[in-house]
Amino acid sequence: MELSHLIAAHGYTLTFLGALVEGETILTLAGVAAHRSYLHLTTLIALASLGSCIGDQVYFMIGRRYGKRLFARFPRVREATRTADNLLVRYAGASVIAVRFIYGMRTLGPIAIGMSQLRWRTFLAFNATGAILWSAAWICVGYALGEAGQMLFGDLRRIEPWFFAGVAVAALGLAVYLHLRRRAAIARSTR
């Protein structure tokens, strides 16, 4: 089966599921697929926003119900909790939106916010706004990469599988780099 058929058959489902858990790489690839006209840009943003909003709402409810016990078992994430609490104290709405854009905080942030006194309806409203902004941003990054690839290589049809693989490797490489950088910063701050 050709790559274009696989993307058309499973792209929307993978975009929703990818956004549900973490998803920057999946959304970037979805944006490339939208540039290639395999998937519809607006539908991708809507599905990614829905998946992202549902995922973070679940994380918020986990934090509300089990947060204190979870963080007691994993002392290494206390720094993430402190960061989220400090943001939340000052700017409740902005912190709910911003936490999804801080690498490594997309999952831990809503859990930590769930441990706070913020009402779930307030979280839902700002979470939905943040989900739309986050999803649109990453999908548009992928779309822009598709456009840049077309400008560099011309017609992408002949190298399309390699181009998608290159975007995936670059996105994963960036994620690993940011993860290692964040761990090094936490290690330096605990010395």
Foldseek 3Di string as FASTA:
>chain_A
DDPLVVCLVCLLVQLLQLLLAQHLLSLLLSLLNVLVVSDPLVSSLVSSLVSNLNNLLVLLVCLLPPVVVVCVVPVLCVVLLVVLVVCCVVPVLVSLLCQSVQQPRSRVNSSSVSVDPDDSVSSSVSSSVSSSVVSSVSSVNSNVLNVVCCVVPPDCPVVVVVSSVVSSVVVVVVSVVSVVVVVVVSVVVVD
